[in-house]
């Protein structure tokens, strides 16, 4: 299956491209795809895609990632979060996306 990757901000600076199509095997999850990309682009990529910090006393690690235009953390859209299986034609957007008006 083919998944379209789009990179923004510092993530695009690390990858040196703004988009690419990557072929994954059936059953690949969002987390698997991120692991593959981290191996390809290195620790700087991983650092920019994931936010790590604390929520109270609990350490959290969450990606700055959109799947098909919706944040992967939105449980109403993706109850499995990073364990969501990818499908042919999916779009993963990574990096800080800022909008306003």
Protein backbone atom coordinates (compact mmCIF):
# COMPACT_ATOMS: atom_id res chain seq x y z
CA UNK A 1 0.00 0.00 0.00
CA UNK A 2 1.14 3.56 -0.69
CA UNK A 3 0.95 6.28 1.99
CA UNK A 4 1.58 9.95 1.23
CA UNK A 5 3.88 11.64 3.74
CA UNK A 6 3.90 15.42 4.04
CA UNK A 7 6.49 17.24 6.09
CA UNK A 8 6.19 20.75 7.54
CA UNK A 9 8.46 23.16 9.39
CA UNK A 10 11.50 21.65 11.07
CA UNK A 11 10.51 18.16 9.97
CA UNK A 12 10.74 19.28 6.32
CA UNK A 13 14.13 20.84 7.06
CA UNK A 14 15.35 17.49 8.42
CA UNK A 15 13.96 15.37 5.56
CA UNK A 16 14.98 18.00 2.97
CA UNK A 17 11.71 17.30 1.16
CA UNK A 18 8.12 18.33 1.75
CA UNK A 19 6.43 15.11 0.66
CA UNK A 20 7.01 11.57 -0.50
CA UNK A 21 5.05 8.40 -1.13
CA UNK A 22 6.19 5.36 0.80
CA UNK A 23 5.09 1.77 0.28
CA UNK A 24 4.26 -0.18 3.42
CA UNK A 25 3.03 -3.74 3.85
CA UNK A 26 -0.58 -4.37 4.82
CA UNK A 27 -1.12 -4.17 8.57
CA UNK A 28 1.42 -1.37 9.12
CA UNK A 29 0.30 0.98 11.91
CA UNK A 30 0.97 4.69 12.27
CA UNK A 31 3.55 3.84 14.93
CA UNK A 32 5.29 1.37 12.58
CA UNK A 33 5.45 4.05 9.89
CA UNK A 34 6.96 6.56 12.32
CA UNK A 35 9.57 3.99 13.38
CA UNK A 36 10.46 3.38 9.73
CA UNK A 37 10.81 7.12 9.10
CA UNK A 38 12.89 7.59 12.26
CA UNK A 39 15.31 4.94 10.99
CA UNK A 40 15.46 6.67 7.61
CA UNK A 41 15.87 10.26 8.86
CA UNK A 42 17.49 9.78 12.28
CA UNK A 43 17.13 11.07 15.83
CA UNK A 44 16.47 14.69 14.83
CA UNK A 45 13.39 13.55 12.92
CA UNK A 46 12.12 11.58 15.90
CA UNK A 47 12.73 14.52 18.23
CA UNK A 48 10.73 16.91 16.03
CA UNK A 49 7.83 14.53 15.37
CA UNK A 50 7.31 13.55 19.00
CA UNK A 51 6.55 15.90 21.87
CA UNK A 52 7.80 14.65 25.22
CA UNK A 53 6.91 16.24 28.49
CA UNK A 54 4.88 15.86 31.64
CA UNK A 55 1.19 16.10 32.34
CA UNK A 56 1.24 16.52 36.09
CA UNK A 57 3.49 13.72 37.30
CA UNK A 58 2.88 11.55 34.25
CA UNK A 59 5.43 11.51 31.45
CA UNK A 60 3.77 11.79 28.04
CA UNK A 61 5.04 11.21 24.53
CA UNK A 62 2.78 12.22 21.70
CA UNK A 63 3.41 12.82 18.01
CA UNK A 64 2.68 16.05 16.22
CA UNK A 65 0.87 14.16 13.49
CA UNK A 66 -2.26 14.30 11.37
CA UNK A 67 -3.75 11.26 9.63
CA UNK A 68 -6.06 12.20 6.77
CA UNK A 69 -6.34 15.76 8.12
CA UNK A 70 -7.26 14.76 11.71
CA UNK A 71 -4.94 14.67 14.73
CA UNK A 72 -4.05 11.11 15.62
CA UNK A 73 -4.68 11.94 19.31
CA UNK A 74 -8.38 12.64 18.72
CA UNK A 75 -9.95 9.50 20.15
CA UNK A 76 -13.28 10.17 18.42
CA UNK A 77 -11.50 9.87 15.05
CA UNK A 78 -8.76 7.37 15.89
CA UNK A 79 -9.59 5.36 19.03
CA UNK A 80 -6.49 3.20 18.48
CA UNK A 81 -4.19 6.24 18.30
CA UNK A 82 -0.72 5.25 17.08
CA UNK A 83 -1.88 1.65 16.75
CA UNK A 84 -4.27 2.70 13.94
CA UNK A 85 -3.62 0.58 10.84
CA UNK A 86 -2.78 2.52 7.69
CA UNK A 87 -4.67 2.07 4.43
CA UNK A 88 -3.68 2.58 0.82
CA UNK A 89 -3.96 6.27 -0.04
CA UNK A 90 -3.71 7.56 3.55
CA UNK A 91 -1.96 10.88 4.20
CA UNK A 92 0.34 11.44 7.18
CA UNK A 93 1.25 15.07 7.89
CA UNK A 94 4.11 15.70 10.30
CA UNK A 95 5.51 18.81 11.87
CA UNK A 96 4.17 21.94 13.42
CA UNK A 97 1.18 23.17 11.45
CA UNK A 98 0.00 26.61 12.49
CA UNK A 99 -3.12 28.33 11.27
CA UNK A 100 -5.03 31.34 12.24
CA UNK A 101 -7.20 34.07 11.01
